[in-house]
Amino acid sequence: MEILEKPTSFQKYLRSIDRWHTQKTLPEIIADQHEVIRKQQTEIADLKAELKETRLWDGCINIRDGQALAILDLCIQMQTLKAADGSELLITPAQNTWAKMISKYFREYDQENIGQVKEIKIDKLRHYLRGIDPKDSLKRENEIPKKHKLYTITPVKKRK
């Protein structure tokens, strides 16, 4: 009995780590695979429903053709805004974040091809975000042209 106990326990161990199902019959293997497929199909259906719901909220803001730099100028102005306590309102260590946001969520409405929208190239925006000091527009390498500086963000007077 002692002689048979060691090989039997070793066989039990081998069955527990069996990745190739050598001890199972073909119907058992097929049943296990069908169960895995059913679980994966359920997961795929759940993920598709979640994606469909997410896409309902997803979209882009269309702006007039050639106005991407005006939006970028507003974003640069927003970087200098202060909260009520005097600290920075919007904090981001990377200027590239602004370019990504505009490129991802804004599209230029092409007035020549009515109904067509075109993507705003991120490299075009990055060109105007380069510089030594992101907060100081005078130290930027490339200034946004005056014709695109259409708006000025100013804080309201303190309310009582």
N, C-alpha and C. Protein backbone atom coordinates (compact mmCIF):
# COMPACT_ATOMS: atom_id res chain seq x y z
N MET A 1 0.82 -1.20 0.00
CA MET A 1 0.00 0.00 0.00
C MET A 1 0.86 1.26 0.00
N GLU A 2 1.95 1.23 0.77
CA GLU A 2 2.84 2.39 0.83
C GLU A 2 3.50 2.65 -0.51
N ILE A 3 3.83 1.59 -1.20
CA ILE A 3 4.47 1.72 -2.50
C ILE A 3 3.50 2.37 -3.50
N LEU A 4 2.21 2.03 -3.45
CA LEU A 4 1.21 2.59 -4.37
C LEU A 4 0.81 4.02 -3.99
N GLU A 5 0.97 4.41 -2.75
CA GLU A 5 0.52 5.73 -2.29
C GLU A 5 1.30 6.87 -2.95
N LYS A 6 2.60 6.72 -3.08
CA LYS A 6 3.41 7.79 -3.68
C LYS A 6 3.08 8.00 -5.16
N PRO A 7 3.03 6.96 -5.99
CA PRO A 7 2.65 7.20 -7.39
C PRO A 7 1.22 7.74 -7.53
N THR A 8 0.32 7.28 -6.67
CA THR A 8 -1.06 7.76 -6.75
C THR A 8 -1.14 9.25 -6.42
N SER A 9 -0.44 9.67 -5.38
CA SER A 9 -0.44 11.10 -5.03
C SER A 9 0.24 11.93 -6.13
N PHE A 10 1.26 11.36 -6.76
CA PHE A 10 1.92 12.07 -7.85
C PHE A 10 0.97 12.21 -9.05
N GLN A 11 0.18 11.16 -9.33
CA GLN A 11 -0.80 11.23 -10.41
C GLN A 11 -1.86 12.29 -10.12
N LYS A 12 -2.31 12.39 -8.89
CA LYS A 12 -3.28 13.41 -8.51
C LYS A 12 -2.71 14.81 -8.76
N TYR A 13 -1.45 14.98 -8.40
CA TYR A 13 -0.80 16.29 -8.63
C TYR A 13 -0.73 16.60 -10.12
N LEU A 14 -0.35 15.60 -10.91
CA LEU A 14 -0.25 15.81 -12.36
C LEU A 14 -1.61 16.16 -12.96
N ARG A 15 -2.68 15.53 -12.49
CA ARG A 15 -4.02 15.86 -12.98
C ARG A 15 -4.41 17.30 -12.62
N SER A 16 -3.95 17.76 -11.47
CA SER A 16 -4.31 19.12 -11.05
C SER A 16 -3.65 20.19 -11.91
N ILE A 17 -2.50 19.89 -12.51
CA ILE A 17 -1.82 20.87 -13.35
C ILE A 17 -1.91 20.54 -14.84
N ASP A 18 -2.79 19.62 -15.19
CA ASP A 18 -2.95 19.17 -16.57
C ASP A 18 -3.57 20.28 -17.43
N ARG A 19 -2.78 20.85 -18.32
CA ARG A 19 -3.28 21.90 -19.21
C ARG A 19 -3.80 21.34 -20.53
N TRP A 20 -3.48 20.13 -20.84
CA TRP A 20 -3.82 19.55 -22.14
C TRP A 20 -4.98 18.56 -22.04
N HIS A 21 -5.58 18.43 -20.87
CA HIS A 21 -6.75 17.59 -20.65
C HIS A 21 -6.52 16.13 -21.09
N THR A 22 -5.40 15.59 -20.71
CA THR A 22 -5.09 14.22 -21.12
C THR A 22 -5.93 13.18 -20.38
N GLN A 23 -6.48 13.53 -19.24
CA GLN A 23 -7.27 12.58 -18.45
C GLN A 23 -8.78 12.71 -18.70
N LYS A 24 -9.17 13.70 -19.49
CA LYS A 24 -10.60 13.90 -19.75
C LYS A 24 -11.00 13.24 -21.06
N THR A 25 -12.26 12.89 -21.12
CA THR A 25 -12.78 12.33 -22.36
C THR A 25 -13.11 13.47 -23.31
N LEU A 26 -13.29 13.13 -24.58
CA LEU A 26 -13.59 14.15 -25.58
C LEU A 26 -14.88 14.89 -25.27
N PRO A 27 -15.96 14.23 -24.87
CA PRO A 27 -17.18 14.97 -24.52
C PRO A 27 -16.97 15.95 -23.34
N GLU A 28 -16.17 15.57 -22.36
CA GLU A 28 -15.89 16.47 -21.25
C GLU A 28 -15.13 17.71 -21.71
N ILE A 29 -14.16 17.50 -22.58
CA ILE A 29 -13.37 18.62 -23.11
C ILE A 29 -14.28 19.56 -23.91
N ILE A 30 -15.15 18.99 -24.75
CA ILE A 30 -16.06 19.79 -25.56
C ILE A 30 -17.03 20.56 -24.67
N ALA A 31 -17.54 19.93 -23.62
CA ALA A 31 -18.46 20.60 -22.70
C ALA A 31 -17.75 21.78 -22.01
N ASP A 32 -16.51 21.57 -21.59
CA ASP A 32 -15.75 22.66 -20.95
C ASP A 32 -15.54 23.82 -21.93
N GLN A 33 -15.22 23.50 -23.17
CA GLN A 33 -14.99 24.53 -24.17
C GLN A 33 -16.28 25.29 -24.48
N HIS A 34 -17.41 24.58 -24.52
CA HIS A 34 -18.70 25.24 -24.74
C HIS A 34 -19.03 26.19 -23.59
N GLU A 35 -18.69 25.80 -22.38
CA GLU A 35 -18.93 26.66 -21.22
C GLU A 35 -18.06 27.93 -21.31
N VAL A 36 -16.81 27.77 -21.71
CA VAL A 36 -15.93 28.92 -21.87
C VAL A 36 -16.47 29.84 -22.97
N ILE A 37 -16.90 29.29 -24.07
CA ILE A 37 -17.45 30.08 -25.18
C ILE A 37 -18.71 30.82 -24.74
N ARG A 38 -19.59 30.15 -23.99
CA ARG A 38 -20.81 30.79 -23.51
C ARG A 38 -20.49 31.98 -22.60
N LYS A 39 -19.52 31.82 -21.70
CA LYS A 39 -19.12 32.92 -20.81
C LYS A 39 -18.55 34.09 -21.62
N GLN A 40 -17.73 33.78 -22.61
CA GLN A 40 -17.14 34.83 -23.43
C GLN A 40 -18.20 35.55 -24.28
N GLN A 41 -19.17 34.82 -24.79
CA GLN A 41 -20.24 35.45 -25.55
C GLN A 41 -21.08 36.38 -24.67
N THR A 42 -21.32 35.98 -23.44
CA THR A 42 -22.05 36.83 -22.49
C THR A 42 -21.25 38.10 -22.21
N GLU A 43 -19.95 37.93 -22.01
CA GLU A 43 -19.08 39.09 -21.75
C GLU A 43 -19.04 40.02 -22.96
N ILE A 44 -18.97 39.47 -24.16
CA ILE A 44 -18.97 40.29 -25.38
C ILE A 44 -20.27 41.06 -25.50
N ALA A 45 -21.40 40.42 -25.22
CA ALA A 45 -22.70 41.10 -25.30
C ALA A 45 -22.76 42.24 -24.29
N ASP A 46 -22.26 42.02 -23.07
CA ASP A 46 -22.24 43.07 -22.05
C ASP A 46 -21.36 44.24 -22.49
N LEU A 47 -20.19 43.93 -23.04
CA LEU A 47 -19.27 44.98 -23.48
C LEU A 47 -19.84 45.77 -24.66
N LYS A 48 -20.54 45.08 -25.57
CA LYS A 48 -21.16 45.79 -26.69
C LYS A 48 -22.24 46.74 -26.21
N ALA A 49 -23.03 46.30 -25.24
CA ALA A 49 -24.07 47.17 -24.68
C ALA A 49 -23.45 48.38 -23.99
N GLU A 50 -22.37 48.15 -23.27
CA GLU A 50 -21.67 49.25 -22.59
C GLU A 50 -21.08 50.23 -23.60
N LEU A 51 -20.51 49.70 -24.68
CA LEU A 51 -19.93 50.55 -25.73
C LEU A 51 -21.01 51.37 -26.41
N LYS A 52 -22.17 50.74 -26.68
CA LYS A 52 -23.27 51.45 -27.32
C LYS A 52 -23.75 52.61 -26.44
N GLU A 53 -23.87 52.36 -25.14
CA GLU A 53 -24.29 53.41 -24.20
C GLU A 53 -23.26 54.53 -24.13
N THR A 54 -22.00 54.17 -24.15
CA THR A 54 -20.93 55.17 -24.09
C THR A 54 -20.93 56.04 -25.34
N ARG A 55 -21.19 55.43 -26.49
CA ARG A 55 -21.19 56.19 -27.75
C ARG A 55 -22.33 57.19 -27.84
N LEU A 56 -23.40 56.96 -27.06
CA LEU A 56 -24.49 57.93 -27.03
C LEU A 56 -24.01 59.27 -26.48
N TRP A 57 -23.04 59.22 -25.56
CA TRP A 57 -22.53 60.42 -24.93
C TRP A 57 -21.31 60.97 -25.66
N ASP A 58 -20.78 60.20 -26.59
CA ASP A 58 -19.56 60.59 -27.28
C ASP A 58 -19.90 61.46 -28.49
N GLY A 59 -19.08 62.41 -28.76
CA GLY A 59 -19.29 63.25 -29.93
C GLY A 59 -18.26 64.34 -29.98
N CYS A 60 -18.34 65.14 -31.01
CA CYS A 60 -17.39 66.24 -31.20
C CYS A 60 -18.15 67.55 -31.33
N ILE A 61 -17.46 68.61 -31.02
CA ILE A 61 -18.01 69.95 -31.17
C ILE A 61 -17.50 70.48 -32.50
N ASN A 62 -18.41 70.89 -33.37
CA ASN A 62 -18.02 71.44 -34.67
C ASN A 62 -17.80 72.94 -34.53
N ILE A 63 -16.68 73.40 -35.07
CA ILE A 63 -16.39 74.83 -35.11
C ILE A 63 -16.20 75.23 -36.57
N ARG A 64 -16.26 76.50 -36.84
CA ARG A 64 -16.08 76.98 -38.21
C ARG A 64 -14.67 76.68 -38.70
N ASP A 65 -14.57 76.45 -39.98
CA ASP A 65 -13.29 76.13 -40.61
C ASP A 65 -12.28 77.23 -40.33
N GLY A 66 -11.10 76.86 -39.90
CA GLY A 66 -10.02 77.81 -39.65
C GLY A 66 -10.05 78.46 -38.27
N GLN A 67 -10.94 78.00 -37.39
CA GLN A 67 -11.06 78.62 -36.08
C GLN A 67 -10.43 77.79 -34.96
N ALA A 68 -9.68 76.78 -35.29
CA ALA A 68 -9.04 75.95 -34.26
C ALA A 68 -8.06 76.77 -33.42
N LEU A 69 -7.38 77.71 -34.04
CA LEU A 69 -6.42 78.53 -33.29
C LEU A 69 -7.14 79.48 -32.34
N ALA A 70 -8.36 79.89 -32.67
CA ALA A 70 -9.14 80.72 -31.75
C ALA A 70 -9.49 79.92 -30.50
N ILE A 71 -9.84 78.66 -30.68
CA ILE A 71 -10.13 77.79 -29.53
C ILE A 71 -8.86 77.57 -28.72
N LEU A 72 -7.74 77.36 -29.40
CA LEU A 72 -6.46 77.18 -28.70
C LEU A 72 -6.10 78.43 -27.91
N ASP A 73 -6.35 79.60 -28.48
CA ASP A 73 -6.08 80.85 -27.77
C ASP A 73 -6.91 80.93 -26.48
N LEU A 74 -8.18 80.52 -26.55
CA LEU A 74 -9.02 80.50 -25.35
C LEU A 74 -8.47 79.54 -24.30
N CYS A 75 -7.98 78.39 -24.75
CA CYS A 75 -7.40 77.42 -23.81
C CYS A 75 -6.15 77.98 -23.15
N ILE A 76 -5.34 78.68 -23.92
CA ILE A 76 -4.14 79.29 -23.35
C ILE A 76 -4.53 80.35 -22.32
N GLN A 77 -5.57 81.12 -22.62
CA GLN A 77 -6.05 82.12 -21.66
C GLN A 77 -6.59 81.45 -20.40
N MET A 78 -7.24 80.31 -20.55
CA MET A 78 -7.80 79.62 -19.38
C MET A 78 -6.71 79.14 -18.44
N GLN A 79 -5.50 78.93 -18.96
CA GLN A 79 -4.40 78.47 -18.11
C GLN A 79 -4.00 79.53 -17.08
N THR A 80 -4.29 80.78 -17.37
CA THR A 80 -3.89 81.86 -16.46
C THR A 80 -4.99 82.22 -15.46
N LEU A 81 -6.14 81.59 -15.56
CA LEU A 81 -7.25 81.92 -14.66
C LEU A 81 -6.95 81.49 -13.23
N LYS A 82 -7.46 82.27 -12.30
CA LYS A 82 -7.27 81.99 -10.88
C LYS A 82 -8.62 81.66 -10.25
N ALA A 83 -8.60 80.78 -9.26
CA ALA A 83 -9.79 80.45 -8.50
C ALA A 83 -10.07 81.57 -7.51
N ALA A 84 -11.17 81.48 -6.80
CA ALA A 84 -11.56 82.53 -5.85
C ALA A 84 -10.51 82.73 -4.76
N ASP A 85 -9.80 81.67 -4.39
CA ASP A 85 -8.78 81.80 -3.34
C ASP A 85 -7.42 82.26 -3.88
N GLY A 86 -7.32 82.52 -5.18
CA GLY A 86 -6.09 83.03 -5.76
C GLY A 86 -5.17 81.96 -6.34
N SER A 87 -5.51 80.69 -6.15
CA SER A 87 -4.68 79.62 -6.72
C SER A 87 -5.10 79.35 -8.16
N GLU A 88 -4.27 78.60 -8.87
CA GLU A 88 -4.57 78.29 -10.27
C GLU A 88 -5.88 77.52 -10.38
N LEU A 89 -6.68 77.86 -11.37
CA LEU A 89 -7.96 77.19 -11.57
C LEU A 89 -7.78 75.87 -12.33
N LEU A 90 -7.02 75.92 -13.40
CA LEU A 90 -6.77 74.73 -14.22
C LEU A 90 -5.29 74.39 -14.15
N ILE A 91 -4.99 73.18 -13.74
CA ILE A 91 -3.59 72.78 -13.55
C ILE A 91 -3.29 71.58 -14.45
N THR A 92 -2.31 71.73 -15.30
CA THR A 92 -1.82 70.61 -16.10
C THR A 92 -0.33 70.82 -16.33
N PRO A 93 0.47 69.81 -16.04
CA PRO A 93 1.91 69.96 -16.23
C PRO A 93 2.33 69.88 -17.69
N ALA A 94 1.47 69.32 -18.54
CA ALA A 94 1.85 69.12 -19.94
C ALA A 94 0.99 69.98 -20.86
N GLN A 95 1.62 70.77 -21.67
CA GLN A 95 0.90 71.60 -22.64
C GLN A 95 0.23 70.75 -23.71
N ASN A 96 0.77 69.57 -23.94
CA ASN A 96 0.23 68.68 -24.95
C ASN A 96 -1.21 68.28 -24.63
N THR A 97 -1.60 68.34 -23.36
CA THR A 97 -2.96 67.99 -22.96
C THR A 97 -3.99 68.86 -23.66
N TRP A 98 -3.69 70.15 -23.79
CA TRP A 98 -4.61 71.07 -24.45
C TRP A 98 -4.75 70.72 -25.93
N ALA A 99 -3.64 70.40 -26.57
CA ALA A 99 -3.68 70.02 -27.99
C ALA A 99 -4.47 68.74 -28.18
N LYS A 100 -4.27 67.76 -27.30
CA LYS A 100 -5.00 66.51 -27.39
C LYS A 100 -6.50 66.74 -27.22
N MET A 101 -6.86 67.58 -26.25
CA MET A 101 -8.27 67.83 -25.99
C MET A 101 -8.95 68.46 -27.21
N ILE A 102 -8.33 69.45 -27.78
CA ILE A 102 -8.92 70.12 -28.95
C ILE A 102 -8.98 69.16 -30.13
N SER A 103 -7.91 68.43 -30.37
CA SER A 103 -7.87 67.51 -31.50
C SER A 103 -8.89 66.38 -31.36
N LYS A 104 -9.11 65.93 -30.14
CA LYS A 104 -10.01 64.81 -29.92
C LYS A 104 -11.49 65.22 -29.92
N TYR A 105 -11.82 66.38 -29.34
CA TYR A 105 -13.21 66.74 -29.13
C TYR A 105 -13.75 67.85 -30.03
N PHE A 106 -12.91 68.43 -30.87
CA PHE A 106 -13.37 69.48 -31.78
C PHE A 106 -13.10 69.07 -33.21
N ARG A 107 -13.99 69.46 -34.10
CA ARG A 107 -13.82 69.24 -35.54
C ARG A 107 -14.13 70.55 -36.25
N GLU A 108 -13.43 70.78 -37.36
CA GLU A 108 -13.68 71.99 -38.14
C GLU A 108 -14.73 71.68 -39.21
N TYR A 109 -15.77 72.48 -39.22
CA TYR A 109 -16.87 72.36 -40.17
C TYR A 109 -16.41 72.99 -41.47
N ASP A 110 -16.30 72.19 -42.52
CA ASP A 110 -15.80 72.67 -43.81
C ASP A 110 -16.93 73.39 -44.54
N GLN A 111 -16.78 74.69 -44.74
CA GLN A 111 -17.83 75.49 -45.37
C GLN A 111 -17.90 75.27 -46.88
N GLU A 112 -16.79 74.86 -47.49
CA GLU A 112 -16.79 74.62 -48.93
C GLU A 112 -17.54 73.33 -49.26
N ASN A 113 -17.24 72.26 -48.53
CA ASN A 113 -17.93 70.98 -48.71
C ASN A 113 -18.98 70.89 -47.60
N ILE A 114 -20.15 71.39 -47.88
CA ILE A 114 -21.19 71.51 -46.86
C ILE A 114 -21.48 70.15 -46.23
N GLY A 115 -21.51 70.16 -44.92
CA GLY A 115 -21.79 68.94 -44.17
C GLY A 115 -20.55 68.14 -43.84
N GLN A 116 -19.42 68.50 -44.40
CA GLN A 116 -18.18 67.78 -44.13
C GLN A 116 -17.47 68.38 -42.91
N VAL A 117 -16.94 67.52 -42.08
CA VAL A 117 -16.12 67.98 -40.96
C VAL A 117 -14.75 67.35 -41.11
N LYS A 118 -13.75 68.09 -40.69
CA LYS A 118 -12.40 67.54 -40.79
C LYS A 118 -11.72 67.62 -39.43
N GLU A 119 -10.83 66.69 -39.24
CA GLU A 119 -10.10 66.57 -37.99
C GLU A 119 -9.10 67.72 -37.86
N ILE A 120 -8.91 68.17 -36.64
CA ILE A 120 -7.92 69.20 -36.37
C ILE A 120 -6.60 68.50 -36.06
N LYS A 121 -5.59 68.79 -36.81
CA LYS A 121 -4.30 68.12 -36.65
C LYS A 121 -3.64 68.56 -35.35
N ILE A 122 -3.21 67.58 -34.57
CA ILE A 122 -2.60 67.87 -33.28
C ILE A 122 -1.25 68.57 -33.44
N ASP A 123 -0.52 68.27 -34.50
CA ASP A 123 0.78 68.91 -34.72
C ASP A 123 0.64 70.41 -34.97
N LYS A 124 -0.44 70.80 -35.63
CA LYS A 124 -0.71 72.22 -35.86
C LYS A 124 -0.86 72.95 -34.53
N LEU A 125 -1.56 72.31 -33.59
CA LEU A 125 -1.78 72.92 -32.28
C LEU A 125 -0.50 72.92 -31.43
N ARG A 126 0.24 71.81 -31.49
CA ARG A 126 1.49 71.71 -30.72
C ARG A 126 2.48 72.81 -31.12
N HIS A 127 2.44 73.18 -32.38
CA HIS A 127 3.34 74.22 -32.89
C HIS A 127 3.21 75.50 -32.07
N TYR A 128 1.99 75.83 -31.67
CA TYR A 128 1.75 77.08 -30.93
C TYR A 128 1.87 76.90 -29.41
N LEU A 129 2.04 75.68 -28.95
CA LEU A 129 2.16 75.44 -27.51
C LEU A 129 3.61 75.31 -27.05
N ARG A 130 4.51 75.25 -27.99
CA ARG A 130 5.93 75.14 -27.62
C ARG A 130 6.42 76.43 -27.00
N GLY A 131 7.32 76.29 -26.06
CA GLY A 131 7.90 77.48 -25.48
C GLY A 131 8.50 77.20 -24.12
N ILE A 132 9.18 78.21 -23.61
CA ILE A 132 9.86 78.07 -22.33
C ILE A 132 8.86 78.06 -21.18
N ASP A 133 7.97 79.03 -21.15
CA ASP A 133 7.02 79.17 -20.05
C ASP A 133 5.60 79.08 -20.61
N PRO A 134 4.87 78.00 -20.27
CA PRO A 134 3.53 77.85 -20.82
C PRO A 134 2.55 78.93 -20.38
N LYS A 135 2.79 79.55 -19.23
CA LYS A 135 1.86 80.56 -18.73
C LYS A 135 2.11 81.94 -19.34
N ASP A 136 3.32 82.19 -19.79
CA ASP A 136 3.68 83.50 -20.31
C ASP A 136 3.69 83.45 -21.83
N SER A 137 2.72 84.08 -22.45
CA SER A 137 2.62 84.02 -23.91
C SER A 137 3.79 84.74 -24.59
N LEU A 138 4.46 85.64 -23.89
CA LEU A 138 5.60 86.35 -24.49
C LEU A 138 6.81 85.43 -24.64
N LYS A 139 6.86 84.37 -23.88
CA LYS A 139 8.01 83.45 -23.94
C LYS A 139 7.72 82.23 -24.81
N ARG A 140 6.64 82.24 -25.53
CA ARG A 140 6.31 81.13 -26.43
C ARG A 140 7.14 81.26 -27.71
N GLU A 141 7.46 80.12 -28.30
CA GLU A 141 8.24 80.12 -29.54
C GLU A 141 7.41 80.66 -30.70
N ASN A 142 6.16 80.25 -30.77
CA ASN A 142 5.29 80.62 -31.89
C ASN A 142 4.01 81.25 -31.37
N GLU A 143 3.80 82.48 -31.74
CA GLU A 143 2.63 83.25 -31.30
C GLU A 143 1.43 82.94 -32.20
N ILE A 144 0.26 82.85 -31.60
CA ILE A 144 -0.96 82.68 -32.38
C ILE A 144 -1.21 83.98 -33.12
N PRO A 145 -1.50 83.92 -34.43
CA PRO A 145 -1.72 85.15 -35.20
C PRO A 145 -2.86 86.00 -34.63
N LYS A 146 -2.74 87.30 -34.77
CA LYS A 146 -3.72 88.25 -34.22
C LYS A 146 -5.13 87.99 -34.75
N LYS A 147 -5.23 87.56 -36.01
CA LYS A 147 -6.56 87.35 -36.59
C LYS A 147 -7.32 86.21 -35.90
N HIS A 148 -6.61 85.35 -35.15
CA HIS A 148 -7.26 84.26 -34.42
C HIS A 148 -7.49 84.59 -32.95
N LYS A 149 -7.02 85.72 -32.50
CA LYS A 149 -7.25 86.15 -31.12
C LYS A 149 -8.53 86.97 -31.09
N LEU A 150 -9.64 86.28 -31.09
CA LEU A 150 -10.94 86.92 -31.22
C LEU A 150 -11.57 87.29 -29.88
N TYR A 151 -11.20 86.61 -28.82
CA TYR A 151 -11.86 86.78 -27.53
C TYR A 151 -10.83 86.99 -26.43
N THR A 152 -11.29 87.63 -25.37
CA THR A 152 -10.45 87.81 -24.20
C THR A 152 -11.26 87.36 -22.98
N ILE A 153 -10.69 86.47 -22.21
CA ILE A 153 -11.35 86.00 -21.00
C ILE A 153 -10.96 86.94 -19.86
N THR A 154 -11.96 87.54 -19.24
CA THR A 154 -11.69 88.43 -18.11
C THR A 154 -12.51 87.98 -16.92
N PRO A 155 -11.96 88.05 -15.73
CA PRO A 155 -12.71 87.64 -14.55
C PRO A 155 -13.77 88.69 -14.21
N VAL A 156 -14.84 88.26 -13.59
CA VAL A 156 -15.89 89.18 -13.17
C VAL A 156 -15.40 89.93 -11.94
N LYS A 157 -16.01 91.07 -11.71
CA LYS A 157 -15.67 91.83 -10.50
C LYS A 157 -16.19 91.06 -9.31
N LYS A 158 -15.51 91.21 -8.19
CA LYS A 158 -15.91 90.46 -6.99
C LYS A 158 -17.32 90.84 -6.59
N ARG A 159 -18.08 89.82 -6.29
CA ARG A 159 -19.47 90.02 -5.88
C ARG A 159 -19.56 90.08 -4.36
N LYS A 160 -20.50 90.85 -3.90
CA LYS A 160 -20.65 90.98 -2.45
C LYS A 160 -21.58 89.96 -1.90
